[in-house]
C-alpha atoms as a PDB file:
ATOM      1  CA  MET A   1       0.000   0.000   0.000  1.00  0.00           C
ATOM      2  CA  LYS A   2       2.753   2.445   0.836  1.00  0.00           C
ATOM      3  CA  LYS A   3       4.522   1.563  -2.398  1.00  0.00           C
ATOM      4  CA  ARG A   4       1.407   2.346  -4.484  1.00  0.00           C
ATOM      5  CA  THR A   5       0.923   5.648  -2.639  1.00  0.00           C
ATOM      6  CA  ALA A   6       4.535   6.670  -3.328  1.00  0.00           C
ATOM      7  CA  VAL A   7       4.111   5.909  -7.055  1.00  0.00           C
ATOM      8  CA  LEU A   8       0.936   8.049  -7.175  1.00  0.00           C
ATOM      9  CA  VAL A   9       2.651  11.020  -5.484  1.00  0.00           C
ATOM     10  CA  LEU A  10       5.591  10.779  -7.900  1.00  0.00           C
ATOM     11  CA  ALA A  11       3.213  10.787 -10.884  1.00  0.00           C
ATOM     12  CA  ILE A  12       1.491  13.960  -9.611  1.00  0.00           C
ATOM     13  CA  VAL A  13       4.856  15.699  -9.078  1.00  0.00           C
ATOM     14  CA  LEU A  14       5.982  14.815 -12.591  1.00  0.00           C
ATOM     15  CA  SER A  15       2.695  16.055 -14.005  1.00  0.00           C
ATOM     16  CA  PHE A  16       3.078  19.503 -12.349  1.00  0.00           C
ATOM     17  CA  SER A  17       6.681  19.647 -13.525  1.00  0.00           C
ATOM     18  CA  LEU A  18       5.717  18.999 -17.139  1.00  0.00           C
ATOM     19  CA  PHE A  19       2.916  21.603 -17.103  1.00  0.00           C
ATOM     20  CA  GLY A  20       5.280  24.125 -15.533  1.00  0.00           C
ATOM     21  CA  CYS A  21       7.863  23.672 -18.311  1.00  0.00           C
ATOM     22  CA  GLY A  22       5.193  24.193 -20.973  1.00  0.00           C
ATOM     23  CA  ASN A  23       4.139  27.588 -19.522  1.00  0.00           C
ATOM     24  CA  ASN A  24       7.752  28.808 -19.390  1.00  0.00           C
ATOM     25  CA  ALA A  25       8.286  27.872 -23.021  1.00  0.00           C
ATOM     26  CA  ASP A  26       5.144  29.758 -24.080  1.00  0.00           C
ATOM     27  CA  GLN A  27       6.293  32.825 -22.167  1.00  0.00           C
ATOM     28  CA  LYS A  28       9.730  32.727 -23.813  1.00  0.00           C
ATOM     29  CA  GLN A  29       8.077  32.532 -27.257  1.00  0.00           C
ATOM     30  CA  GLU A  30       5.869  35.558 -26.504  1.00  0.00           C
ATOM     31  CA  GLU A  31       8.774  37.820 -25.444  1.00  0.00           C
ATOM     32  CA  PRO A  32      10.590  37.905 -28.838  1.00  0.00           C
ATOM     33  CA  GLN A  33       7.235  38.504 -30.549  1.00  0.00           C
ATOM     34  CA  GLU A  34       6.498  41.473 -28.291  1.00  0.00           C
ATOM     35  CA  GLU A  35      10.000  42.871 -28.923  1.00  0.00           C
ATOM     36  CA  ALA A  36       9.540  42.542 -32.686  1.00  0.00           C
ATOM     37  CA  GLU A  37       6.193  44.372 -32.511  1.00  0.00           C
ATOM     38  CA  GLN A  38       7.794  47.164 -30.478  1.00  0.00           C
ATOM     39  CA  GLU A  39      10.656  47.508 -32.985  1.00  0.00           C
ATOM     40  CA  GLU A  40       8.189  47.602 -35.868  1.00  0.00           C
ATOM     41  CA  ALA A  41       6.164  50.325 -34.148  1.00  0.00           C
ATOM     42  CA  GLN A  42       9.335  52.337 -33.551  1.00  0.00           C
ATOM     43  CA  GLN A  43      10.304  52.028 -37.221  1.00  0.00           C
ATOM     44  CA  GLU A  44       6.871  53.255 -38.306  1.00  0.00           C
ATOM     45  CA  GLU A  45       7.243  56.200 -35.960  1.00  0.00           C
ATOM     46  CA  ILE A  46      10.688  57.086 -37.404  1.00  0.00           C
ATOM     47  CA  GLN A  47       9.282  57.049 -40.957  1.00  0.00           C
ATOM     48  CA  GLU A  48       6.864  59.904 -40.225  1.00  0.00           C
ATOM     49  CA  ASP A  49       7.602  63.525 -41.134  1.00  0.00           C
ATOM     50  CA  ILE A  50      10.064  65.058 -38.678  1.00  0.00           C
ATOM     51  CA  GLU A  51       8.743  68.335 -37.274  1.00  0.00           C
ATOM     52  CA  THR A  52      10.859  70.597 -35.108  1.00  0.00           C
ATOM     53  CA  GLU A  53      10.236  74.054 -33.738  1.00  0.00           C
ATOM     54  CA  ASN A  54      11.528  75.728 -36.910  1.00  0.00           C
ATOM     55  CA  PHE A  55      11.533  73.045 -39.628  1.00  0.00           C
ATOM     56  CA  LEU A  56       9.493  70.253 -41.145  1.00  0.00           C
ATOM     57  CA  PHE A  57      11.428  67.446 -42.871  1.00  0.00           C
ATOM     58  CA  LEU A  58       9.446  65.222 -45.232  1.00  0.00           C
ATOM     59  CA  LYS A  59       9.209  61.473 -44.742  1.00  0.00           C
ATOM     60  CA  GLU A  60       9.273  61.064 -48.528  1.00  0.00           C
ATOM     61  CA  VAL A  61      11.629  63.512 -50.229  1.00  0.00           C
ATOM     62  CA  GLY A  62      10.943  64.827 -53.705  1.00  0.00           C
ATOM     63  CA  LYS A  63      12.691  63.821 -56.909  1.00  0.00           C
ATOM     64  CA  VAL A  64      15.991  65.384 -57.997  1.00  0.00           C
ATOM     65  CA  GLU A  65      15.093  68.794 -59.443  1.00  0.00           C
ATOM     66  CA  TYR A  66      18.436  70.602 -59.500  1.00  0.00           C
ATOM     67  CA  LEU A  67      22.106  69.632 -59.860  1.00  0.00           C
ATOM     68  CA  LEU A  68      23.305  71.424 -56.748  1.00  0.00           C
ATOM     69  CA  GLY A  69      26.303  69.173 -56.256  1.00  0.00           C
ATOM     70  CA  GLU A  70      27.918  70.714 -59.336  1.00  0.00           C
ATOM     71  CA  PHE A  71      28.314  74.189 -57.796  1.00  0.00           C
ATOM     72  CA  GLU A  72      31.295  75.694 -56.059  1.00  0.00           C
ATOM     73  CA  TRP A  73      30.397  77.631 -52.909  1.00  0.00           C
ATOM     74  CA  GLU A  74      31.741  80.880 -51.452  1.00  0.00           C
ATOM     75  CA  GLU A  75      31.111  82.671 -48.148  1.00  0.00           C
ATOM     76  CA  SER A  76      28.051  84.931 -48.090  1.00  0.00           C
ATOM     77  CA  THR A  77      26.485  86.029 -44.817  1.00  0.00           C
ATOM     78  CA  ILE A  78      22.807  87.006 -44.991  1.00  0.00           C
ATOM     79  CA  GLU A  79      20.419  87.131 -42.062  1.00  0.00           C
ATOM     80  CA  PHE A  80      16.656  87.312 -42.435  1.00  0.00           C
ATOM     81  CA  THR A  81      13.420  86.069 -40.912  1.00  0.00           C
ATOM     82  CA  THR A  82      11.173  83.871 -43.040  1.00  0.00           C
ATOM     83  CA  GLN A  83       7.842  85.451 -43.911  1.00  0.00           C
ATOM     84  CA  TYR A  84       6.367  82.244 -45.321  1.00  0.00           C
ATOM     85  CA  GLU A  85       7.141  78.523 -45.459  1.00  0.00           C
ATOM     86  CA  THR A  86      10.387  78.375 -47.447  1.00  0.00           C
ATOM     87  CA  ASP A  87      11.353  75.176 -49.290  1.00  0.00           C
ATOM     88  CA  VAL A  88      14.725  73.583 -48.489  1.00  0.00           C
ATOM     89  CA  TYR A  89      16.685  71.149 -50.667  1.00  0.00           C
ATOM     90  CA  ASP A  90      19.508  68.726 -49.960  1.00  0.00           C
ATOM     91  CA  MET A  91      22.811  68.710 -51.846  1.00  0.00           C
ATOM     92  CA  GLU A  92      21.361  66.195 -54.317  1.00  0.00           C
ATOM     93  CA  GLY A  93      18.774  68.764 -55.425  1.00  0.00           C
ATOM     94  CA  ARG A  94      15.751  67.093 -53.793  1.00  0.00           C
ATOM     95  CA  LYS A  95      13.116  68.978 -51.838  1.00  0.00           C
ATOM     96  CA  VAL A  96      13.376  67.626 -48.287  1.00  0.00           C
ATOM     97  CA  GLY A  97      11.035  69.960 -46.394  1.00  0.00           C
ATOM     98  CA  TYR A  98      10.623  73.604 -45.496  1.00  0.00           C
ATOM     99  CA  ILE A  99      11.506  76.287 -42.955  1.00  0.00           C
ATOM    100  CA  LYS A 100       8.462  77.476 -41.058  1.00  0.00           C
ATOM    101  CA  SER A 101       7.409  81.113 -41.225  1.00  0.00           C
ATOM    102  CA  ASP A 102       8.791  83.674 -38.751  1.00  0.00           C
ATOM    103  CA  VAL A 103      12.063  81.760 -38.255  1.00  0.00           C
ATOM    104  CA  PRO A 104      15.446  83.602 -38.104  1.00  0.00           C
ATOM    105  CA  VAL A 105      17.838  82.156 -40.704  1.00  0.00           C
ATOM    106  CA  THR A 106      21.534  82.847 -41.310  1.00  0.00           C
ATOM    107  CA  ILE A 107      22.792  82.093 -44.803  1.00  0.00           C
ATOM    108  CA  THR A 108      26.502  81.239 -44.841  1.00  0.00           C
ATOM    109  CA  GLU A 109      27.328  80.375 -48.463  1.00  0.00           C
ATOM    110  CA  HIS A 110      26.372  81.238 -52.021  1.00  0.00           C
ATOM    111  CA  GLY A 111      26.702  78.956 -55.060  1.00  0.00           C
ATOM    112  CA  ILE A 112      29.052  80.636 -57.515  1.00  0.00           C
ATOM    113  CA  ASN A 113      27.221  81.553 -60.744  1.00  0.00           C
ATOM    114  CA  SER A 114      23.977  80.118 -59.420  1.00  0.00           C
ATOM    115  CA  GLY A 115      20.660  81.134 -57.945  1.00  0.00           C
ATOM    116  CA  TRP A 116      21.209  79.239 -54.672  1.00  0.00           C
ATOM    117  CA  TYR A 117      22.255  79.791 -51.049  1.00  0.00           C
ATOM    118  CA  ARG A 118      22.986  77.178 -48.400  1.00  0.00           C
ATOM    119  CA  PHE A 119      23.631  76.879 -44.646  1.00  0.00           C
ATOM    120  CA  LYS A 120      24.511  74.152 -42.157  1.00  0.00           C
ATOM    121  CA  ASN A 121      21.503  72.130 -41.048  1.00  0.00           C
ATOM    122  CA  PRO A 122      20.889  73.189 -37.425  1.00  0.00           C
ATOM    123  CA  GLU A 123      18.585  70.262 -36.602  1.00  0.00           C
ATOM    124  CA  ASN A 124      19.882  67.050 -35.030  1.00  0.00           C
ATOM    125  CA  GLY A 125      18.362  63.721 -35.982  1.00  0.00           C
ATOM    126  CA  THR A 126      18.321  64.356 -39.741  1.00  0.00           C
ATOM    127  CA  ASP A 127      20.737  63.193 -42.429  1.00  0.00           C
ATOM    128  CA  TYR A 128      21.341  66.517 -44.199  1.00  0.00           C
ATOM    129  CA  GLU A 129      24.613  68.352 -43.541  1.00  0.00           C
ATOM    130  CA  TYR A 130      23.559  71.381 -45.618  1.00  0.00           C
ATOM    131  CA  LEU A 131      20.180  72.850 -46.510  1.00  0.00           C
ATOM    132  CA  CYS A 132      19.877  74.811 -49.759  1.00  0.00           C
ATOM    133  CA  VAL A 133      17.367  77.564 -50.557  1.00  0.00           C
ATOM    134  CA  ARG A 134      16.634  79.428 -53.777  1.00  0.00           C
ATOM    135  CA  ARG A 135      18.202  82.871 -53.994  1.00  0.00           C
ATOM    136  CA  ASP A 136      14.906  84.371 -55.204  1.00  0.00           C
ATOM    137  CA  ASP A 137      13.173  83.146 -52.030  1.00  0.00           C
ATOM    138  CA  VAL A 138      15.867  84.688 -49.826  1.00  0.00           C
ATOM    139  CA  ASP A 139      16.282  87.987 -51.692  1.00  0.00           C
ATOM    140  CA  SER A 140      12.548  88.684 -51.873  1.00  0.00           C
ATOM    141  CA  GLN A 141      12.122  88.124 -48.132  1.00  0.00           C
ATOM    142  CA  VAL A 142      15.173  90.236 -47.325  1.00  0.00           C
ATOM    143  CA  GLN A 143      13.779  93.033 -49.475  1.00  0.00           C
ATOM    144  CA  ASN A 144      10.342  92.904 -47.842  1.00  0.00           C
ATOM    145  CA  GLU A 145      11.916  92.815 -44.403  1.00  0.00           C
ATOM    146  CA  THR A 146      14.046  95.843 -45.215  1.00  0.00           C
ATOM    147  CA  GLU A 147      11.012  97.803 -46.381  1.00  0.00           C
ATOM    148  CA  THR A 148       8.876  97.057 -43.327  1.00  0.00           C
ATOM    149  CA  GLN A 149      11.264  97.231 -40.381  1.00  0.00           C
ATOM    150  CA  ASN A 150      13.228 100.031 -38.753  1.00  0.00           C
ATOM    151  CA  LEU A 151      16.975 100.151 -39.311  1.00  0.00           C
ATOM    152  CA  GLU A 152      17.621  98.735 -35.814  1.00  0.00           C
ATOM    153  CA  GLU A 153      15.438  95.703 -36.536  1.00  0.00           C
ATOM    154  CA  GLN A 154      16.568  95.044 -40.078  1.00  0.00           C
ATOM    155  CA  ALA A 155      18.528  91.924 -40.918  1.00  0.00           C
ATOM    156  CA  GLU A 156      21.835  92.337 -42.718  1.00  0.00           C
ATOM    157  CA  THR A 157      21.142  93.251 -46.334  1.00  0.00           C
ATOM    158  CA  PRO A 158      23.243  91.330 -48.853  1.00  0.00           C
ATOM    159  CA  ILE A 159      25.827  93.342 -50.761  1.00  0.00           C
ATOM    160  CA  LEU A 160      25.020  92.884 -54.422  1.00  0.00           C
ATOM    161  CA  SER A 161      28.070  92.218 -56.558  1.00  0.00           C
ATOM    162  CA  ASP A 162      28.696  93.928 -59.887  1.00  0.00           C
ATOM    163  CA  GLU A 163      28.111  90.546 -61.517  1.00  0.00           C
ATOM    164  CA  TYR A 164      24.686  90.199 -59.921  1.00  0.00           C
ATOM    165  CA  ILE A 165      23.714  93.752 -60.906  1.00  0.00           C
ATOM    166  CA  GLU A 166      24.735  93.054 -64.508  1.00  0.00           C
ATOM    167  CA  GLU A 167      22.756  89.806 -64.529  1.00  0.00           C
ATOM    168  CA  GLN A 168      19.684  91.541 -63.169  1.00  0.00           C
ATOM    169  CA  ARG A 169      20.009  94.218 -65.861  1.00  0.00           C
ATOM    170  CA  MET A 170      20.060  91.525 -68.562  1.00  0.00           C
ATOM    171  CA  PHE A 171      17.058  89.781 -67.011  1.00  0.00           C
ATOM    172  CA  ASP A 172      15.070  93.004 -66.847  1.00  0.00           C
ATOM    173  CA  GLU A 173      15.912  93.923 -70.433  1.00  0.00           C
ATOM    174  CA  ALA A 174      14.989  90.435 -71.644  1.00  0.00           C
ATOM    175  CA  MET A 175      11.700  90.513 -69.744  1.00  0.00           C
ATOM    176  CA  ASP A 176      10.907  93.941 -71.190  1.00  0.00           C
ATOM    177  CA  LEU A 177      10.999  92.402 -74.674  1.00  0.00           C
ATOM    178  CA  ILE A 178       7.830  90.460 -73.844  1.00  0.00           C
ATOM    179  CA  ASP A 179       4.669  92.441 -74.566  1.00  0.00           C
ATOM    180  CA  GLU A 180       2.081  91.589 -71.904  1.00  0.00           C
ATOM    181  CA  ASN A 181      -0.746  92.894 -74.112  1.00  0.00           C
ATOM    182  CA  LYS A 182       0.143  90.667 -77.066  1.00  0.00           C
ATOM    183  CA  THR A 183      -0.618  87.060 -77.912  1.00  0.00           C
ATOM    184  CA  TYR A 184       2.202  85.804 -80.097  1.00  0.00           C
ATOM    185  CA  THR A 185       1.996  83.604 -83.149  1.00  0.00           C
ATOM    186  CA  ILE A 186       4.428  80.686 -83.250  1.00  0.00           C
ATOM    187  CA  GLU A 187       6.656  82.573 -85.710  1.00  0.00           C
ATOM    188  CA  GLU A 188       6.594  85.702 -83.511  1.00  0.00           C
ATOM    189  CA  PHE A 189       7.436  83.601 -80.460  1.00  0.00           C
ATOM    190  CA  HIS A 190      10.544  82.144 -82.156  1.00  0.00           C
ATOM    191  CA  ALA A 191      11.663  85.657 -83.166  1.00  0.00           C
ATOM    192  CA  LEU A 192      11.068  86.893 -79.601  1.00  0.00           C
ATOM    193  CA  PHE A 193      13.235  84.181 -78.038  1.00  0.00           C
ATOM    194  CA  LYS A 194      15.963  84.764 -80.590  1.00  0.00           C
ATOM    195  CA  ASP A 195      16.148  88.376 -79.338  1.00  0.00           C
ATOM    196  CA  ILE A 196      16.008  87.214 -75.699  1.00  0.00           C
ATOM    197  CA  CYS A 197      18.900  84.765 -76.153  1.00  0.00           C
ATOM    198  CA  GLU A 198      20.981  87.471 -77.795  1.00  0.00           C
ATOM    199  CA  LYS A 199      20.677  89.444 -74.537  1.00  0.00           C
ATOM    200  CA  PHE A 200      22.445  86.562 -72.772  1.00  0.00           C
ATOM    201  CA  GLY A 201      25.046  85.956 -75.479  1.00  0.00           C
ATOM    202  CA  THR A 202      23.534  82.587 -76.433  1.00  0.00           C
ATOM    203  CA  ILE A 203      21.807  81.248 -79.561  1.00  0.00           C
ATOM    204  CA  TYR A 204      18.188  80.445 -80.364  1.00  0.00           C
ATOM    205  CA  ASP A 205      18.085  78.487 -83.611  1.00  0.00           C
ATOM    206  CA  VAL A 206      16.472  75.417 -85.168  1.00  0.00           C
ATOM    207  CA  GLU A 207      19.974  73.961 -85.656  1.00  0.00           C
ATOM    208  CA  VAL A 208      20.010  73.221 -81.901  1.00  0.00           C
ATOM    209  CA  LYS A 209      17.051  70.890 -82.504  1.00  0.00           C
ATOM    210  CA  GLU A 210      18.637  69.323 -85.585  1.00  0.00           C
ATOM    211  CA  GLN A 211      21.919  68.592 -83.767  1.00  0.00           C
ATOM    212  CA  PHE A 212      20.289  67.376 -80.544  1.00  0.00           C
ATOM    213  CA  ILE A 213      20.933  63.774 -79.498  1.00  0.00           C
ATOM    214  CA  GLY A 214      18.932  62.143 -76.716  1.00  0.00           C
ATOM    215  CA  THR A 215      15.562  62.831 -75.148  1.00  0.00           C
ATOM    216  CA  PRO A 216      14.532  66.503 -75.092  1.00  0.00           C
ATOM    217  CA  ALA A 217      12.851  68.057 -72.071  1.00  0.00           C
ATOM    218  CA  LYS A 218       9.208  69.132 -71.898  1.00  0.00           C
ATOM    219  CA  PHE A 219       8.313  72.727 -71.104  1.00  0.00           C
ATOM    220  CA  THR A 220       4.960  74.419 -70.541  1.00  0.00           C
ATOM    221  CA  LEU A 221       4.359  77.506 -72.683  1.00  0.00           C
ATOM    222  CA  ASN A 222       1.620  80.055 -73.250  1.00  0.00           C
ATOM    223  CA  LEU A 223       1.837  82.561 -76.094  1.00  0.00           C
ATOM    224  CA  ASN A 224      -0.089  85.212 -74.188  1.00  0.00           C
ATOM    225  CA  GLY A 225       2.576  87.738 -73.152  1.00  0.00           C
ATOM    226  CA  LYS A 226       1.428  88.124 -69.551  1.00  0.00           C
ATOM    227  CA  GLU A 227       1.151  84.373 -69.001  1.00  0.00           C
ATOM    228  CA  LEU A 228       4.506  83.829 -70.714  1.00  0.00           C
ATOM    229  CA  LYS A 229       6.168  86.220 -68.254  1.00  0.00           C
ATOM    230  CA  ASN A 230       4.621  84.321 -65.344  1.00  0.00           C
ATOM    231  CA  ILE A 231       5.894  80.985 -66.679  1.00  0.00           C
ATOM    232  CA  ILE A 232       9.425  82.330 -67.167  1.00  0.00           C
ATOM    233  CA  ASN A 233       9.454  83.772 -63.642  1.00  0.00           C
ATOM    234  CA  ASP A 234       8.089  80.613 -62.036  1.00  0.00           C
ATOM    235  CA  GLN A 235      10.576  78.355 -63.862  1.00  0.00           C
ATOM    236  CA  GLN A 236      13.567  80.721 -63.404  1.00  0.00           C
ATOM    237  CA  PHE A 237      14.112  80.167 -67.104  1.00  0.00           C
ATOM    238  CA  PHE A 238      16.478  83.093 -67.704  1.00  0.00           C
ATOM    239  CA  TRP A 239      18.793  81.638 -65.038  1.00  0.00           C
ATOM    240  CA  TYR A 240      18.667  78.384 -66.958  1.00  0.00           C
ATOM    241  CA  ILE A 241      19.714  80.044 -70.249  1.00  0.00           C
ATOM    242  CA  LEU A 242      22.562  81.885 -68.554  1.00  0.00           C
ATOM    243  CA  TYR A 243      23.922  78.996 -66.457  1.00  0.00           C
ATOM    244  CA  GLY A 244      22.480  75.793 -67.933  1.00  0.00           C
ATOM    245  CA  PRO A 245      21.748  72.565 -66.026  1.00  0.00           C
ATOM    246  CA  THR A 246      25.216  72.484 -64.427  1.00  0.00           C
ATOM    247  CA  GLY A 247      25.026  76.008 -63.024  1.00  0.00           C
ATOM    248  CA  SER A 248      28.179  77.118 -64.832  1.00  0.00           C
ATOM    249  CA  ASN A 249      27.559  76.749 -68.589  1.00  0.00           C
ATOM    250  CA  PRO A 250      25.200  78.925 -70.663  1.00  0.00           C
ATOM    251  CA  VAL A 251      23.040  77.028 -73.151  1.00  0.00           C
ATOM    252  CA  ASP A 252      21.742  77.544 -76.670  1.00  0.00           C
ATOM    253  CA  ILE A 253      18.078  76.563 -76.929  1.00  0.00           C
ATOM    254  CA  TYR A 254      15.197  75.959 -79.306  1.00  0.00           C
ATOM    255  CA  PHE A 255      11.532  75.232 -78.612  1.00  0.00           C
ATOM    256  CA  GLY A 256       9.854  72.593 -80.742  1.00  0.00           C
ATOM    257  CA  ILE A 257       6.181  73.540 -81.122  1.00  0.00           C
ATOM    258  CA  ASP A 258       3.697  71.378 -83.011  1.00  0.00           C
ATOM    259  CA  GLU A 259       1.812  73.575 -85.479  1.00  0.00           C
ATOM    260  CA  ASN A 260      -1.383  71.588 -84.811  1.00  0.00           C
ATOM    261  CA  LEU A 261      -1.368  72.457 -81.100  1.00  0.00           C
ATOM    262  CA  ASP A 262      -3.949  74.789 -79.589  1.00  0.00           C
ATOM    263  CA  THR A 263      -1.646  77.613 -78.479  1.00  0.00           C
ATOM    264  CA  SER A 264      -4.452  79.802 -77.135  1.00  0.00           C
ATOM    265  CA  ARG A 265      -3.831  78.381 -73.655  1.00  0.00           C
ATOM    266  CA  ASP A 266      -1.086  76.472 -71.799  1.00  0.00           C
ATOM    267  CA  PHE A 267       0.489  73.790 -73.972  1.00  0.00           C
ATOM    268  CA  GLU A 268       3.497  71.472 -73.843  1.00  0.00           C
ATOM    269  CA  ALA A 269       6.500  72.294 -76.041  1.00  0.00           C
ATOM    270  CA  THR A 270       9.748  70.386 -76.498  1.00  0.00           C
ATOM    271  CA  LEU A 271      12.931  72.072 -75.259  1.00  0.00           C
ATOM    272  CA  PHE A 272      16.207  71.326 -77.057  1.00  0.00           C
ATOM    273  CA  ILE A 273      19.506  72.540 -75.571  1.00  0.00           C
ATOM    274  CA  ARG A 274      23.248  72.423 -76.166  1.00  0.00           C
ATOM    275  CA  PHE A 275      26.070  73.932 -74.170  1.00  0.00           C
ATOM    276  CA  HIS A 276      27.104  77.278 -75.634  1.00  0.00           C
ATOM    277  CA  LYS A 277      30.671  77.748 -76.819  1.00  0.00           C
ATOM    278  CA  GLU A 278      32.095  81.226 -77.077  1.00  0.00           C
ATOM    279  CA  ASN A 279      33.354  82.145 -80.528  1.00  0.00           C
ATOM    280  CA  ASN A 280      37.127  82.577 -80.637  1.00  0.00           C
END
């Protein structure tokens, strides 16, 4: 009788031991799963837009729009306060976010022969060493700030170089060639851009199209003079003629326009370019 009782007690002890081991194994399996879920949640959180007090950095950056890595940079100190959300680009020419409005900014460098400024990225936790801004965005805000504030409150106004003044003169003269009250025919448009390119020392000619190899770019046009001025301003097209896609080479151009297109409103033209070579 005692022997049978001892066997029964041993069986019960073994049973509890086996059940206990099963619970521990289940618990150990759950812990890695919980850790994986936590890591996944953290990764999703990191992938969101990064917003700081002064900046917003996009989770998904834009496509490459400009070849900013081709420029050489020189010192240029400009201080201003943003009056609106101002786009910022990385050194690969992609839009990566914007500076919020009413944020003090100190520009430290200017791209030689370009329409760009840059400064060191002041925000930790992002991958961009430099942030680049368009010169037009900076200069317009500096000008507005200068006009609306007292001298004691004004930010440092950039000193315009003789080169910049000469460029602005060419731009103004080229823009003045466009008659806002006129809607151009295709032939008149070609003649107009031939005169405009002459202002920049470059060439507008069908031979650029005939010699072009590769895939030409697409460009939105409107033959109404006022709308044409707006398009040129928005696209910074005169900068493009003067400095080309590399920021240091002027280009000869020609617009391919299909005669069957409805040119009474915005339409898509084909843009042919070649790097301009000075005549010796």
